Amino acid sequence: MSLPKPLMRGLLGKRLRFHLPIAFGLSLVAAIAFKYGVTEPRKRAYAEFYKQYDAVKEFNAMKEAGVFESVRPSGE
């Protein structure tokens, strides 16, 4: 008893017709999951942070701490 010959003619097209829609579907699901699982919470966190952020207050705190070389603290 011998093994049947593999069908090689049209194999790429047949496999692509099966796997291509699956690949597109999975990539679409992954993109949607990334958008709503990572980027949207990150945008909300940044928006919440910058609602209460005072850049001038932070600059003055860093200036008084001596972080900058070009700006002297008020005490000096």
PDB file of N, CA and C in Angstrom:
ATOM      1  N   MET A   1       0.844  -1.174   0.000  1.00  0.00           N
ATOM      2  CA  MET A   1       0.000   0.000   0.000  1.00  0.00           C
ATOM      3  C   MET A   1       0.895   1.245   0.000  1.00  0.00           C
ATOM      4  N   SER A   2       0.636   2.157  -0.905  1.00  0.00           N
ATOM      5  CA  SER A   2       1.468   3.352  -1.011  1.00  0.00           C
ATOM      6  C   SER A   2       0.662   4.591  -0.581  1.00  0.00           C
ATOM      7  N   LEU A   3       1.417   5.594  -0.196  1.00  0.00           N
ATOM      8  CA  LEU A   3       0.800   6.840   0.219  1.00  0.00           C
ATOM      9  C   LEU A   3       0.328   7.619  -1.004  1.00  0.00           C
ATOM     10  N   PRO A   4      -0.774   8.348  -0.882  1.00  0.00           N
ATOM     11  CA  PRO A   4      -1.207   9.154  -2.034  1.00  0.00           C
ATOM     12  C   PRO A   4      -0.262  10.346  -2.220  1.00  0.00           C
ATOM     13  N   LYS A   5      -0.124  10.751  -3.471  1.00  0.00           N
ATOM     14  CA  LYS A   5       0.739  11.893  -3.763  1.00  0.00           C
ATOM     15  C   LYS A   5       0.118  13.171  -3.210  1.00  0.00           C
ATOM     16  N   PRO A   6       0.953  14.076  -2.693  1.00  0.00           N
ATOM     17  CA  PRO A   6       0.404  15.346  -2.205  1.00  0.00           C
ATOM     18  C   PRO A   6      -0.042  16.217  -3.376  1.00  0.00           C
ATOM     19  N   LEU A   7      -1.106  16.963  -3.171  1.00  0.00           N
ATOM     20  CA  LEU A   7      -1.601  17.866  -4.212  1.00  0.00           C
ATOM     21  C   LEU A   7      -0.865  19.191  -4.085  1.00  0.00           C
ATOM     22  N   MET A   8       0.083  19.430  -4.992  1.00  0.00           N
ATOM     23  CA  MET A   8       0.898  20.636  -4.916  1.00  0.00           C
ATOM     24  C   MET A   8       0.351  21.753  -5.799  1.00  0.00           C
ATOM     25  N   ARG A   9      -0.416  21.403  -6.825  1.00  0.00           N
ATOM     26  CA  ARG A   9      -0.915  22.424  -7.740  1.00  0.00           C
ATOM     27  C   ARG A   9      -2.017  23.226  -7.050  1.00  0.00           C
ATOM     28  N   GLY A  10      -1.843  24.547  -6.993  1.00  0.00           N
ATOM     29  CA  GLY A  10      -2.834  25.416  -6.377  1.00  0.00           C
ATOM     30  C   GLY A  10      -2.803  25.405  -4.854  1.00  0.00           C
ATOM     31  N   LEU A  11      -1.752  24.843  -4.279  1.00  0.00           N
ATOM     32  CA  LEU A  11      -1.691  24.734  -2.827  1.00  0.00           C
ATOM     33  C   LEU A  11      -1.560  26.108  -2.168  1.00  0.00           C
ATOM     34  N   LEU A  12      -0.736  26.992  -2.722  1.00  0.00           N
ATOM     35  CA  LEU A  12      -0.557  28.321  -2.153  1.00  0.00           C
ATOM     36  C   LEU A  12      -1.861  29.108  -2.161  1.00  0.00           C
ATOM     37  N   GLY A  13      -2.558  29.082  -3.277  1.00  0.00           N
ATOM     38  CA  GLY A  13      -3.834  29.797  -3.371  1.00  0.00           C
ATOM     39  C   GLY A  13      -4.860  29.254  -2.405  1.00  0.00           C
ATOM     40  N   LYS A  14      -4.906  27.934  -2.264  1.00  0.00           N
ATOM     41  CA  LYS A  14      -5.872  27.326  -1.359  1.00  0.00           C
ATOM     42  C   LYS A  14      -5.564  27.688   0.093  1.00  0.00           C
ATOM     43  N   ARG A  15      -4.281  27.652   0.438  1.00  0.00           N
ATOM     44  CA  ARG A  15      -3.896  27.994   1.818  1.00  0.00           C
ATOM     45  C   ARG A  15      -4.111  29.477   2.100  1.00  0.00           C
ATOM     46  N   LEU A  16      -3.839  30.339   1.099  1.00  0.00           N
ATOM     47  CA  LEU A  16      -4.055  31.766   1.293  1.00  0.00           C
ATOM     48  C   LEU A  16      -5.536  32.093   1.464  1.00  0.00           C
ATOM     49  N   ARG A  17      -6.400  31.448   0.697  1.00  0.00           N
ATOM     50  CA  ARG A  17      -7.832  31.697   0.838  1.00  0.00           C
ATOM     51  C   ARG A  17      -8.318  31.324   2.233  1.00  0.00           C
ATOM     52  N   PHE A  18      -7.665  30.386   2.862  1.00  0.00           N
ATOM     53  CA  PHE A  18      -8.056  29.987   4.211  1.00  0.00           C
ATOM     54  C   PHE A  18      -7.419  30.887   5.272  1.00  0.00           C
ATOM     55  N   HIS A  19      -6.116  31.157   5.147  1.00  0.00           N
ATOM     56  CA  HIS A  19      -5.392  31.851   6.208  1.00  0.00           C
ATOM     57  C   HIS A  19      -5.462  33.376   6.140  1.00  0.00           C
ATOM     58  N   LEU A  20      -5.631  33.963   4.972  1.00  0.00           N
ATOM     59  CA  LEU A  20      -5.640  35.415   4.857  1.00  0.00           C
ATOM     60  C   LEU A  20      -6.804  36.071   5.600  1.00  0.00           C
ATOM     61  N   PRO A  21      -8.023  35.606   5.465  1.00  0.00           N
ATOM     62  CA  PRO A  21      -9.107  36.233   6.253  1.00  0.00           C
ATOM     63  C   PRO A  21      -8.896  36.065   7.762  1.00  0.00           C
ATOM     64  N   ILE A  22      -8.359  34.945   8.168  1.00  0.00           N
ATOM     65  CA  ILE A  22      -8.080  34.736   9.598  1.00  0.00           C
ATOM     66  C   ILE A  22      -7.028  35.731  10.070  1.00  0.00           C
ATOM     67  N   ALA A  23      -5.978  35.932   9.281  1.00  0.00           N
ATOM     68  CA  ALA A  23      -4.917  36.868   9.658  1.00  0.00           C
ATOM     69  C   ALA A  23      -5.457  38.297   9.741  1.00  0.00           C
ATOM     70  N   PHE A  24      -6.272  38.699   8.772  1.00  0.00           N
ATOM     71  CA  PHE A  24      -6.858  40.038   8.811  1.00  0.00           C
ATOM     72  C   PHE A  24      -7.777  40.196  10.012  1.00  0.00           C
ATOM     73  N   GLY A  25      -8.574  39.199  10.296  1.00  0.00           N
ATOM     74  CA  GLY A  25      -9.480  39.261  11.437  1.00  0.00           C
ATOM     75  C   GLY A  25      -8.736  39.373  12.755  1.00  0.00           C
ATOM     76  N   LEU A  26      -7.710  38.560  12.919  1.00  0.00           N
ATOM     77  CA  LEU A  26      -6.932  38.606  14.156  1.00  0.00           C
ATOM     78  C   LEU A  26      -6.183  39.925  14.309  1.00  0.00           C
ATOM     79  N   SER A  27      -5.660  40.451  13.210  1.00  0.00           N
ATOM     80  CA  SER A  27      -4.950  41.728  13.302  1.00  0.00           C
ATOM     81  C   SER A  27      -5.920  42.862  13.628  1.00  0.00           C
ATOM     82  N   LEU A  28      -7.135  42.803  13.103  1.00  0.00           N
ATOM     83  CA  LEU A  28      -8.134  43.811  13.426  1.00  0.00           C
ATOM     84  C   LEU A  28      -8.514  43.739  14.906  1.00  0.00           C
ATOM     85  N   VAL A  29      -8.697  42.534  15.415  1.00  0.00           N
ATOM     86  CA  VAL A  29      -9.018  42.353  16.835  1.00  0.00           C
ATOM     87  C   VAL A  29      -7.867  42.872  17.707  1.00  0.00           C
ATOM     88  N   ALA A  30      -6.631  42.581  17.323  1.00  0.00           N
ATOM     89  CA  ALA A  30      -5.473  43.042  18.100  1.00  0.00           C
ATOM     90  C   ALA A  30      -5.377  44.564  18.082  1.00  0.00           C
ATOM     91  N   ALA A  31      -5.642  45.188  16.937  1.00  0.00           N
ATOM     92  CA  ALA A  31      -5.575  46.646  16.850  1.00  0.00           C
ATOM     93  C   ALA A  31      -6.655  47.291  17.715  1.00  0.00           C
ATOM     94  N   ILE A  32      -7.857  46.750  17.687  1.00  0.00           N
ATOM     95  CA  ILE A  32      -8.942  47.298  18.504  1.00  0.00           C
ATOM     96  C   ILE A  32      -8.643  47.108  19.982  1.00  0.00           C
ATOM     97  N   ALA A  33      -8.131  45.933  20.340  1.00  0.00           N
ATOM     98  CA  ALA A  33      -7.789  45.676  21.744  1.00  0.00           C
ATOM     99  C   ALA A  33      -6.690  46.625  22.215  1.00  0.00           C
ATOM    100  N   PHE A  34      -5.698  46.896  21.379  1.00  0.00           N
ATOM    101  CA  PHE A  34      -4.628  47.818  21.756  1.00  0.00           C
ATOM    102  C   PHE A  34      -5.163  49.237  21.913  1.00  0.00           C
ATOM    103  N   LYS A  35      -6.044  49.639  20.990  1.00  0.00           N
ATOM    104  CA  LYS A  35      -6.594  50.995  21.062  1.00  0.00           C
ATOM    105  C   LYS A  35      -7.363  51.201  22.355  1.00  0.00           C
ATOM    106  N   TYR A  36      -8.259  50.289  22.682  1.00  0.00           N
ATOM    107  CA  TYR A  36      -9.100  50.483  23.864  1.00  0.00           C
ATOM    108  C   TYR A  36      -8.468  49.960  25.144  1.00  0.00           C
ATOM    109  N   GLY A  37      -7.456  49.123  25.043  1.00  0.00           N
ATOM    110  CA  GLY A  37      -6.806  48.596  26.234  1.00  0.00           C
ATOM    111  C   GLY A  37      -5.582  49.382  26.663  1.00  0.00           C
ATOM    112  N   VAL A  38      -4.943  50.101  25.721  1.00  0.00           N
ATOM    113  CA  VAL A  38      -3.702  50.806  26.041  1.00  0.00           C
ATOM    114  C   VAL A  38      -3.813  52.303  25.771  1.00  0.00           C
ATOM    115  N   THR A  39      -4.160  52.674  24.543  1.00  0.00           N
ATOM    116  CA  THR A  39      -4.059  54.089  24.188  1.00  0.00           C
ATOM    117  C   THR A  39      -5.150  54.950  24.825  1.00  0.00           C
ATOM    118  N   GLU A  40      -6.373  54.459  24.894  1.00  0.00           N
ATOM    119  CA  GLU A  40      -7.446  55.262  25.498  1.00  0.00           C
ATOM    120  C   GLU A  40      -7.209  55.495  26.995  1.00  0.00           C
ATOM    121  N   PRO A  41      -6.846  54.465  27.791  1.00  0.00           N
ATOM    122  CA  PRO A  41      -6.530  54.747  29.196  1.00  0.00           C
ATOM    123  C   PRO A  41      -5.332  55.684  29.352  1.00  0.00           C
ATOM    124  N   ARG A  42      -4.361  55.565  28.467  1.00  0.00           N
ATOM    125  CA  ARG A  42      -3.194  56.450  28.531  1.00  0.00           C
ATOM    126  C   ARG A  42      -3.597  57.893  28.240  1.00  0.00           C
ATOM    127  N   LYS A  43      -4.461  58.103  27.244  1.00  0.00           N
ATOM    128  CA  LYS A  43      -4.919  59.456  26.942  1.00  0.00           C
ATOM    129  C   LYS A  43      -5.717  60.036  28.110  1.00  0.00           C
ATOM    130  N   ARG A  44      -6.545  59.214  28.741  1.00  0.00           N
ATOM    131  CA  ARG A  44      -7.306  59.699  29.901  1.00  0.00           C
ATOM    132  C   ARG A  44      -6.382  60.050  31.060  1.00  0.00           C
ATOM    133  N   ALA A  45      -5.346  59.235  31.277  1.00  0.00           N
ATOM    134  CA  ALA A  45      -4.410  59.508  32.371  1.00  0.00           C
ATOM    135  C   ALA A  45      -3.636  60.796  32.120  1.00  0.00           C
ATOM    136  N   TYR A  46      -3.192  61.023  30.884  1.00  0.00           N
ATOM    137  CA  TYR A  46      -2.492  62.274  30.566  1.00  0.00           C
ATOM    138  C   TYR A  46      -3.419  63.469  30.734  1.00  0.00           C
ATOM    139  N   ALA A  47      -4.662  63.357  30.278  1.00  0.00           N
ATOM    140  CA  ALA A  47      -5.604  64.466  30.404  1.00  0.00           C
ATOM    141  C   ALA A  47      -5.854  64.788  31.871  1.00  0.00           C
ATOM    142  N   GLU A  48      -6.008  63.768  32.699  1.00  0.00           N
ATOM    143  CA  GLU A  48      -6.233  63.980  34.125  1.00  0.00           C
ATOM    144  C   GLU A  48      -5.008  64.623  34.789  1.00  0.00           C
ATOM    145  N   PHE A  49      -3.812  64.175  34.390  1.00  0.00           N
ATOM    146  CA  PHE A  49      -2.587  64.737  34.955  1.00  0.00           C
ATOM    147  C   PHE A  49      -2.457  66.216  34.602  1.00  0.00           C
ATOM    148  N   TYR A  50      -2.692  66.561  33.344  1.00  0.00           N
ATOM    149  CA  TYR A  50      -2.478  67.942  32.913  1.00  0.00           C
ATOM    150  C   TYR A  50      -3.612  68.879  33.321  1.00  0.00           C
ATOM    151  N   LYS A  51      -4.730  68.346  33.825  1.00  0.00           N
ATOM    152  CA  LYS A  51      -5.763  69.214  34.380  1.00  0.00           C
ATOM    153  C   LYS A  51      -5.254  69.909  35.636  1.00  0.00           C
ATOM    154  N   GLN A  52      -4.433  69.213  36.412  1.00  0.00           N
ATOM    155  CA  GLN A  52      -3.977  69.737  37.689  1.00  0.00           C
ATOM    156  C   GLN A  52      -2.505  70.151  37.669  1.00  0.00           C
ATOM    157  N   TYR A  53      -1.838  70.063  36.531  1.00  0.00           N
ATOM    158  CA  TYR A  53      -0.413  70.340  36.446  1.00  0.00           C
ATOM    159  C   TYR A  53      -0.175  71.838  36.298  1.00  0.00           C
ATOM    160  N   ASP A  54       0.721  72.363  37.102  1.00  0.00           N
ATOM    161  CA  ASP A  54       1.096  73.770  37.018  1.00  0.00           C
ATOM    162  C   ASP A  54       2.585  73.835  36.672  1.00  0.00           C
ATOM    163  N   ALA A  55       2.885  74.190  35.433  1.00  0.00           N
ATOM    164  CA  ALA A  55       4.261  74.194  34.956  1.00  0.00           C
ATOM    165  C   ALA A  55       5.104  75.245  35.668  1.00  0.00           C
ATOM    166  N   VAL A  56       4.533  76.390  35.956  1.00  0.00           N
ATOM    167  CA  VAL A  56       5.279  77.460  36.626  1.00  0.00           C
ATOM    168  C   VAL A  56       5.648  77.031  38.039  1.00  0.00           C
ATOM    169  N   LYS A  57       4.728  76.400  38.735  1.00  0.00           N
ATOM    170  CA  LYS A  57       5.002  75.916  40.087  1.00  0.00           C
ATOM    171  C   LYS A  57       6.117  74.863  40.077  1.00  0.00           C
ATOM    172  N   GLU A  58       6.073  73.954  39.102  1.00  0.00           N
ATOM    173  CA  GLU A  58       7.122  72.939  38.974  1.00  0.00           C
ATOM    174  C   GLU A  58       8.465  73.585  38.653  1.00  0.00           C
ATOM    175  N   PHE A  59       8.466  74.579  37.768  1.00  0.00           N
ATOM    176  CA  PHE A  59       9.704  75.268  37.425  1.00  0.00           C
ATOM    177  C   PHE A  59      10.296  75.950  38.656  1.00  0.00           C
ATOM    178  N   ASN A  60       9.461  76.627  39.422  1.00  0.00           N
ATOM    179  CA  ASN A  60       9.962  77.301  40.618  1.00  0.00           C
ATOM    180  C   ASN A  60      10.498  76.306  41.641  1.00  0.00           C
ATOM    181  N   ALA A  61       9.854  75.160  41.767  1.00  0.00           N
ATOM    182  CA  ALA A  61      10.333  74.136  42.696  1.00  0.00           C
ATOM    183  C   ALA A  61      11.691  73.597  42.247  1.00  0.00           C
ATOM    184  N   MET A  62      11.849  73.355  40.961  1.00  0.00           N
ATOM    185  CA  MET A  62      13.138  72.869  40.457  1.00  0.00           C
ATOM    186  C   MET A  62      14.214  73.949  40.548  1.00  0.00           C
ATOM    187  N   LYS A  63      13.809  75.194  40.331  1.00  0.00           N
ATOM    188  CA  LYS A  63      14.767  76.307  40.439  1.00  0.00           C
ATOM    189  C   LYS A  63      15.285  76.407  41.867  1.00  0.00           C
ATOM    190  N   GLU A  64      14.398  76.317  42.845  1.00  0.00           N
ATOM    191  CA  GLU A  64      14.800  76.394  44.246  1.00  0.00           C
ATOM    192  C   GLU A  64      15.626  75.181  44.669  1.00  0.00           C
ATOM    193  N   ALA A  65      15.415  74.062  44.018  1.00  0.00           N
ATOM    194  CA  ALA A  65      16.190  72.862  44.336  1.00  0.00           C
ATOM    195  C   ALA A  65      17.574  72.903  43.706  1.00  0.00           C
ATOM    196  N   GLY A  66      17.823  73.849  42.795  1.00  0.00           N
ATOM    197  CA  GLY A  66      19.136  73.972  42.169  1.00  0.00           C
ATOM    198  C   GLY A  66      19.350  73.027  41.004  1.00  0.00           C
ATOM    199  N   VAL A  67      18.278  72.653  40.338  1.00  0.00           N
ATOM    200  CA  VAL A  67      18.382  71.720  39.218  1.00  0.00           C
ATOM    201  C   VAL A  67      19.030  72.387  38.004  1.00  0.00           C
ATOM    202  N   PHE A  68      18.723  73.640  37.761  1.00  0.00           N
ATOM    203  CA  PHE A  68      19.195  74.330  36.564  1.00  0.00           C
ATOM    204  C   PHE A  68      20.515  75.038  36.820  1.00  0.00           C
ATOM    205  N   GLU A  69      21.395  74.971  35.838  1.00  0.00           N
ATOM    206  CA  GLU A  69      22.668  75.674  35.950  1.00  0.00           C
ATOM    207  C   GLU A  69      22.553  77.135  35.511  1.00  0.00           C
ATOM    208  N   SER A  70      21.597  77.430  34.666  1.00  0.00           N
ATOM    209  CA  SER A  70      21.484  78.792  34.136  1.00  0.00           C
ATOM    210  C   SER A  70      20.604  79.702  34.985  1.00  0.00           C
ATOM    211  N   VAL A  71      19.900  79.136  35.956  1.00  0.00           N
ATOM    212  CA  VAL A  71      19.016  79.932  36.804  1.00  0.00           C
ATOM    213  C   VAL A  71      19.419  79.698  38.250  1.00  0.00           C
ATOM    214  N   ARG A  72      19.721  80.788  38.956  1.00  0.00           N
ATOM    215  CA  ARG A  72      20.106  80.665  40.362  1.00  0.00           C
ATOM    216  C   ARG A  72      18.851  80.579  41.248  1.00  0.00           C
ATOM    217  N   PRO A  73      18.949  79.834  42.344  1.00  0.00           N
ATOM    218  CA  PRO A  73      17.840  79.828  43.299  1.00  0.00           C
ATOM    219  C   PRO A  73      17.668  81.220  43.923  1.00  0.00           C
ATOM    220  N   SER A  74      16.518  81.493  44.472  1.00  0.00           N
ATOM    221  CA  SER A  74      16.206  82.818  45.019  1.00  0.00           C
ATOM    222  C   SER A  74      17.076  83.129  46.226  1.00  0.00           C
ATOM    223  N   GLY A  75      17.487  82.131  46.986  1.00  0.00           N
ATOM    224  CA  GLY A  75      18.260  82.346  48.197  1.00  0.00           C
ATOM    225  C   GLY A  75      19.677  82.809  47.952  1.00  0.00           C
ATOM    226  N   GLU A  76      20.206  82.620  46.758  1.00  0.00           N
ATOM    227  CA  GLU A  76      21.593  82.969  46.490  1.00  0.00           C
ATOM    228  C   GLU A  76      21.735  84.370  45.949  1.00  0.00           C
TER     229      GLU A  76
END
